Amino acid sequence: MAHILFIGLGNMGSGMAANLVKAGHEVHAFDLSEKAIASAVANGAKAVSNLGNFDASKIDTVITMLPAGKHVASVYTSTEGLPASIPAGCLFMDCSTIDVETAKAVGEGAAKRGFFFVDAPVSGGIAAAAAGTLTFMVGGPSESFDKAKPFLEAMGKNIFHAGGAGMGQAAKICNNMLLGISMIGTCEAFNLAERLGLDAQKFFDISSTASGQCWSMTSYCPAPGPVPNAPSNNNYKAGFAAAMMLKDLRLAGGVAETARASIPMGAMAEQIYTLMEAAGKDDLDFSGVMKLLKGKL
């Protein structure tokens, strides 16, 4: 049994922490939201109300699931972050989606202070977090990855070691840029099919077995009907919000500029999701871009 400090109990973190409890680990849960902590306690975790006063001398693993790079850096590098009693040799695992450079810097800083670190962003959404079927893209030294793998397997189904520190973030950013692009293309195709009088189910049956097939169509169809569990059949209630997709596309734009990589389709996808943000509808699922194309936002 490991002694885990889990920081960040949002929509994703809450399910992940619960699965670690189910796997038999002792999970100490912290969040700025008292309601989130209470929910974690209901799922078997132990509450941490104040990181500064928490005795972390028995903690061997810290897992974070936070909104942005600045929050991750604050936890792992500032004097007001982790408790001073965190023992040397502790494993730090950041499952947030952040910029590559921050992930690398945090990893390097952790190693210098005698800690193990992996960046392990996730794919799969809220349902997969709750079900323990997430995909993890992991960056960090092999020794750190080996230490992290048992915990990742308690929370996920597919675990990939992408390379050194920051490469988990690189994989996540590239994957989600592709996802955003393919979702917009899928929405455009279904919208055009409807305008031409082609039934959505008929088009799905054809294209899902033809060269236009992609995950955005077969697993997460943005047109109501063909995929019953897709957000399109629940008024586009977010499984993965458009705001989060826009965050990832902006991360892609930033690293592309640094890497001098041409991503014209990624840049266009960012502009389209920015329109959802401007309309105040970025709380919809990212497949809700269908509503934007239809002029129904």
Protein backbone atom coordinates (compact mmCIF):
# COMPACT_ATOMS: atom_id res chain seq x y z
CA MET A 1 0.00 0.00 0.00
CA ALA A 2 1.33 3.39 -0.99
CA HIS A 3 0.74 6.65 0.87
CA ILE A 4 -0.41 9.15 -1.74
CA LEU A 5 -0.96 12.89 -1.57
CA PHE A 6 -3.42 13.75 -4.36
CA ILE A 7 -3.73 17.45 -5.20
CA GLY A 8 -6.51 18.63 -7.53
CA LEU A 9 -9.91 16.94 -7.22
CA GLY A 10 -11.79 18.37 -10.18
CA ASN A 11 -13.88 16.39 -12.66
CA MET A 12 -10.89 14.26 -13.62
CA GLY A 13 -8.94 14.15 -10.37
CA SER A 14 -11.89 13.00 -8.26
CA GLY A 15 -12.37 9.82 -10.29
CA MET A 16 -8.64 9.14 -10.43
CA ALA A 17 -8.25 9.50 -6.66
CA ALA A 18 -11.24 7.21 -6.07
CA ASN A 19 -9.66 4.49 -8.21
CA LEU A 20 -6.41 4.70 -6.25
CA VAL A 21 -8.43 4.12 -3.07
CA LYS A 22 -10.13 1.14 -4.71
CA ALA A 23 -6.68 -0.23 -5.55
CA GLY A 24 -5.88 -0.32 -1.84
CA HIS A 25 -3.75 2.80 -1.46
CA GLU A 26 -4.03 5.37 1.31
CA VAL A 27 -4.97 8.60 -0.44
CA HIS A 28 -4.70 11.99 1.25
CA ALA A 29 -6.78 14.43 -0.82
CA PHE A 30 -6.35 18.19 -1.14
CA ASP A 31 -8.25 20.77 -3.17
CA LEU A 32 -9.16 24.42 -2.74
CA SER A 33 -12.79 23.32 -2.86
CA GLU A 34 -14.11 21.94 0.44
CA LYS A 35 -16.90 20.25 -1.50
CA ALA A 36 -14.35 18.40 -3.65
CA ILE A 37 -12.47 17.24 -0.54
CA ALA A 38 -15.73 16.06 1.04
CA SER A 39 -16.53 14.05 -2.09
CA ALA A 40 -13.10 12.44 -2.01
CA VAL A 41 -13.56 11.53 1.65
CA ALA A 42 -16.90 9.93 0.77
CA ASN A 43 -14.96 7.79 -1.71
CA GLY A 44 -12.52 6.63 0.95
CA ALA A 45 -9.76 9.27 0.90
CA LYS A 46 -8.44 11.20 3.90
CA ALA A 47 -8.94 14.95 3.94
CA VAL A 48 -6.07 17.42 3.81
CA SER A 49 -7.42 20.86 4.65
CA ASN A 50 -4.10 22.73 4.69
CA LEU A 51 -0.97 21.62 2.86
CA GLY A 52 1.25 23.80 5.04
CA ASN A 53 0.16 21.99 8.21
CA PHE A 54 0.05 18.50 6.74
CA ASP A 55 2.52 15.92 8.06
CA ALA A 56 3.79 14.38 4.83
CA SER A 57 6.60 12.31 6.36
CA LYS A 58 4.92 9.05 5.32
CA ILE A 59 4.00 10.18 1.81
CA ASP A 60 5.82 8.26 -0.94
CA THR A 61 3.85 9.52 -3.95
CA VAL A 62 2.44 12.93 -4.90
CA ILE A 63 -0.06 13.16 -7.78
CA THR A 64 -1.29 16.46 -9.16
CA MET A 65 -4.17 17.23 -11.52
CA LEU A 66 -4.21 21.00 -11.95
CA PRO A 67 -5.50 23.60 -14.44
CA ALA A 68 -2.26 25.07 -15.85
CA GLY A 69 1.52 25.10 -15.79
CA LYS A 70 1.72 27.96 -13.29
CA HIS A 71 -0.22 25.91 -10.76
CA VAL A 72 1.98 22.87 -11.29
CA ALA A 73 5.14 24.95 -10.92
CA SER A 74 3.75 26.53 -7.77
CA VAL A 75 3.16 23.13 -6.14
CA TYR A 76 6.51 21.58 -7.04
CA THR A 77 8.91 24.52 -7.00
CA SER A 78 7.65 27.23 -4.63
CA THR A 79 8.25 27.35 -0.88
CA GLU A 80 4.48 27.49 -0.40
CA GLY A 81 3.88 24.35 -2.46
CA LEU A 82 4.43 20.89 -1.02
CA PRO A 83 4.92 20.37 2.72
CA ALA A 84 8.54 20.59 3.87
CA SER A 85 8.20 17.13 5.41
CA ILE A 86 7.95 15.38 2.03
CA PRO A 87 10.72 12.72 2.21
CA ALA A 88 13.52 12.45 -0.34
CA GLY A 89 12.97 9.76 -2.95
CA CYS A 90 9.25 10.57 -3.20
CA LEU A 91 7.62 10.09 -6.62
CA PHE A 92 6.05 13.20 -8.15
CA MET A 93 3.47 12.51 -10.86
CA ASP A 94 1.81 15.43 -12.65
CA CYS A 95 -1.24 14.38 -14.65
CA SER A 96 -2.21 17.91 -15.70
CA THR A 97 -2.02 19.09 -19.30
CA ILE A 98 0.55 21.89 -19.36
CA ASP A 99 3.29 23.34 -21.56
CA VAL A 100 6.32 21.19 -22.34
CA GLU A 101 8.90 23.62 -20.95
CA THR A 102 7.27 23.79 -17.52
CA ALA A 103 7.09 19.99 -17.36
CA LYS A 104 10.79 19.75 -18.22
CA ALA A 105 11.75 22.41 -15.69
CA VAL A 106 9.74 20.79 -12.89
CA GLY A 107 11.26 17.41 -13.73
CA GLU A 108 14.80 18.77 -13.70
CA GLY A 109 14.22 20.59 -10.43
CA ALA A 110 12.74 17.51 -8.79
CA ALA A 111 15.70 15.35 -9.83
CA LYS A 112 18.19 17.85 -8.40
CA ARG A 113 16.39 17.70 -5.03
CA GLY A 114 16.36 13.89 -4.91
CA PHE A 115 12.83 13.22 -6.13
CA PHE A 116 11.47 11.15 -9.02
CA PHE A 117 9.18 12.92 -11.50
CA VAL A 118 6.97 12.02 -14.46
CA ASP A 119 4.63 14.17 -16.52
CA ALA A 120 1.66 11.93 -17.22
CA PRO A 121 -1.19 13.79 -18.95
CA VAL A 122 -4.33 11.82 -19.68
CA SER A 123 -6.80 11.20 -22.47
CA GLY A 124 -10.28 9.79 -22.12
CA GLY A 125 -12.44 12.34 -20.33
CA ILE A 126 -14.52 12.28 -17.17
CA ALA A 127 -16.18 8.91 -17.82
CA ALA A 128 -12.82 7.20 -18.34
CA ALA A 129 -11.41 8.85 -15.20
CA ALA A 130 -14.29 7.41 -13.17
CA ALA A 131 -14.05 3.99 -14.84
CA GLY A 132 -10.27 3.75 -14.54
CA THR A 133 -9.81 3.41 -18.30
CA LEU A 134 -7.75 6.52 -19.06
CA THR A 135 -4.85 6.63 -21.49
CA PHE A 136 -1.64 8.00 -19.98
CA MET A 137 1.18 9.55 -22.02
CA VAL A 138 4.20 9.58 -19.75
CA GLY A 139 7.45 11.53 -19.89
CA GLY A 140 10.42 11.00 -17.62
CA PRO A 141 13.39 8.72 -16.94
CA SER A 142 12.77 4.96 -17.15
CA GLU A 143 13.28 4.52 -13.40
CA SER A 144 10.63 7.15 -12.67
CA PHE A 145 8.25 5.59 -15.19
CA ASP A 146 8.67 2.17 -13.58
CA LYS A 147 7.82 3.62 -10.18
CA ALA A 148 4.75 5.39 -11.58
CA LYS A 149 3.38 2.51 -13.64
CA PRO A 150 1.52 0.64 -10.85
CA PHE A 151 -0.40 3.79 -9.96
CA LEU A 152 -1.10 4.59 -13.59
CA GLU A 153 -2.46 1.09 -14.09
CA ALA A 154 -4.87 1.65 -11.19
CA MET A 155 -6.26 4.70 -12.98
CA GLY A 156 -5.91 3.80 -16.65
CA LYS A 157 -6.10 1.17 -19.34
CA ASN A 158 -3.39 2.29 -21.78
CA ILE A 159 0.00 3.40 -20.44
CA PHE A 160 2.67 4.73 -22.82
CA HIS A 161 6.19 5.86 -22.01
CA ALA A 162 6.72 8.64 -24.54
CA GLY A 163 10.31 9.51 -23.64
CA GLY A 164 12.12 11.92 -21.32
CA ALA A 165 10.67 14.68 -19.19
CA GLY A 166 8.12 16.76 -21.09
CA MET A 167 7.45 14.12 -23.74
CA GLY A 168 4.20 13.08 -22.11
CA GLN A 169 3.02 16.66 -22.57
CA ALA A 170 4.32 16.71 -26.14
CA ALA A 171 2.32 13.57 -26.95
CA LYS A 172 -0.83 14.93 -25.32
CA ILE A 173 -0.62 18.30 -27.07
CA CYS A 174 -0.07 16.73 -30.50
CA ASN A 175 -2.85 14.19 -29.95
CA ASN A 176 -5.38 16.80 -28.87
CA MET A 177 -4.50 19.12 -31.72
CA LEU A 178 -5.27 16.25 -34.09
CA LEU A 179 -8.49 15.52 -32.19
CA GLY A 180 -9.64 19.14 -32.42
CA ILE A 181 -8.94 19.25 -36.15
CA SER A 182 -10.70 15.95 -36.82
CA MET A 183 -13.74 16.94 -34.77
CA ILE A 184 -14.20 20.14 -36.76
CA GLY A 185 -13.87 18.21 -40.02
CA THR A 186 -16.38 15.63 -38.82
CA CYS A 187 -18.84 18.36 -37.86
CA GLU A 188 -18.44 20.01 -41.26
CA ALA A 189 -19.08 16.70 -43.03
CA PHE A 190 -22.27 15.94 -41.09
CA ASN A 191 -23.48 19.51 -41.49
CA LEU A 192 -22.95 19.36 -45.25
CA ALA A 193 -24.62 15.94 -45.43
CA GLU A 194 -27.68 17.36 -43.67
CA ARG A 195 -27.84 20.36 -46.00
CA LEU A 196 -27.71 17.98 -48.97
CA GLY A 197 -30.60 15.93 -47.57
CA LEU A 198 -28.51 12.93 -46.51
CA ASP A 199 -29.70 11.30 -43.30
CA ALA A 200 -27.13 11.44 -40.46
CA GLN A 201 -27.44 7.72 -39.68
CA LYS A 202 -27.08 6.80 -43.35
CA PHE A 203 -23.98 8.98 -43.67
CA PHE A 204 -22.55 7.50 -40.45
CA ASP A 205 -23.12 3.94 -41.66
CA ILE A 206 -21.28 4.72 -44.89
CA SER A 207 -18.44 6.95 -43.74
CA SER A 208 -17.68 5.03 -40.54
CA THR A 209 -16.68 2.08 -42.74
CA ALA A 210 -15.06 4.15 -45.47
CA SER A 211 -11.97 6.33 -45.74
CA GLY A 212 -13.52 9.17 -43.72
CA GLN A 213 -13.65 7.06 -40.56
CA CYS A 214 -12.09 8.59 -37.42
CA TRP A 215 -12.55 8.49 -33.64
CA SER A 216 -14.48 11.77 -33.66
CA MET A 217 -17.06 10.05 -35.84
CA THR A 218 -17.29 6.49 -34.57
CA SER A 219 -16.88 7.06 -30.83
CA TYR A 220 -18.01 10.65 -30.32
CA CYS A 221 -20.24 11.48 -33.26
CA PRO A 222 -21.12 15.21 -33.17
CA ALA A 223 -24.41 14.64 -35.01
CA PRO A 224 -27.28 13.49 -32.77
CA GLY A 225 -28.39 9.92 -33.35
CA PRO A 226 -25.67 7.54 -34.52
CA VAL A 227 -23.67 7.16 -31.26
CA PRO A 228 -26.15 7.02 -28.34
CA ASN A 229 -23.67 7.90 -25.56
CA ALA A 230 -22.11 10.86 -27.39
CA PRO A 231 -22.66 14.36 -25.93
CA SER A 232 -24.55 15.29 -29.10
CA ASN A 233 -27.44 13.20 -27.73
CA ASN A 234 -27.38 15.08 -24.42
CA ASN A 235 -27.53 18.66 -25.72
CA TYR A 236 -23.70 18.68 -25.92
CA LYS A 237 -23.21 18.47 -22.15
CA ALA A 238 -19.46 18.43 -21.73
CA GLY A 239 -17.48 15.25 -21.45
CA PHE A 240 -14.49 17.26 -22.61
CA ALA A 241 -15.33 20.95 -22.68
CA ALA A 242 -14.58 23.21 -25.63
CA ALA A 243 -12.68 25.44 -23.18
CA MET A 244 -10.29 22.58 -22.44
CA MET A 245 -9.82 21.85 -26.13
CA LEU A 246 -9.03 25.51 -26.72
CA LYS A 247 -6.49 25.42 -23.89
CA ASP A 248 -4.75 22.47 -25.57
CA LEU A 249 -4.82 24.09 -28.99
CA ARG A 250 -3.25 27.22 -27.52
CA LEU A 251 -0.55 25.06 -25.97
CA ALA A 252 0.04 23.51 -29.39
CA GLY A 253 0.32 26.94 -30.97
CA GLY A 254 2.85 28.02 -28.38
CA VAL A 255 5.15 25.02 -28.72
CA ALA A 256 4.80 25.05 -32.51
CA GLU A 257 6.12 28.60 -32.59
CA THR A 258 9.07 27.64 -30.39
CA ALA A 259 9.76 24.52 -32.46
CA ARG A 260 9.29 26.39 -35.75
CA ALA A 261 6.70 23.82 -36.82
CA SER A 262 3.99 24.71 -39.34
CA ILE A 263 0.48 23.88 -38.05
CA PRO A 264 -1.98 25.81 -40.25
CA MET A 265 -4.88 23.44 -39.52
CA GLY A 266 -4.11 23.54 -35.80
CA ALA A 267 -4.11 27.34 -35.90
CA MET A 268 -7.45 27.35 -37.73
CA ALA A 269 -8.91 24.92 -35.17
CA GLU A 270 -7.79 27.29 -32.42
CA GLN A 271 -9.56 30.18 -34.14
CA ILE A 272 -12.80 28.18 -34.44
CA TYR A 273 -12.83 27.17 -30.77
CA THR A 274 -12.03 30.79 -29.88
CA LEU A 275 -15.36 31.66 -31.49
CA MET A 276 -17.09 29.32 -29.04
CA GLU A 277 -15.27 31.05 -26.21
CA ALA A 278 -16.29 34.48 -27.51
CA ALA A 279 -19.91 33.33 -27.68
CA GLY A 280 -19.74 32.25 -24.03
CA LYS A 281 -20.43 28.64 -25.02
CA ASP A 282 -17.07 27.05 -24.31
CA ASP A 283 -18.66 25.14 -21.43
CA LEU A 284 -20.30 22.91 -24.05
CA ASP A 285 -18.59 19.73 -25.12
CA PHE A 286 -15.94 20.26 -27.78
CA SER A 287 -18.18 18.42 -30.25
CA GLY A 288 -20.58 21.34 -29.74
CA VAL A 289 -18.68 23.09 -32.51
CA MET A 290 -21.48 21.53 -34.58
CA LYS A 291 -23.83 24.13 -33.08
CA LEU A 292 -21.40 26.88 -34.09
CA LEU A 293 -21.35 25.66 -37.70
CA LYS A 294 -25.14 25.57 -37.71
CA GLY A 295 -25.35 29.11 -36.33
CA LYS A 296 -27.19 27.86 -33.22
CA LEU A 297 -24.89 29.07 -30.46
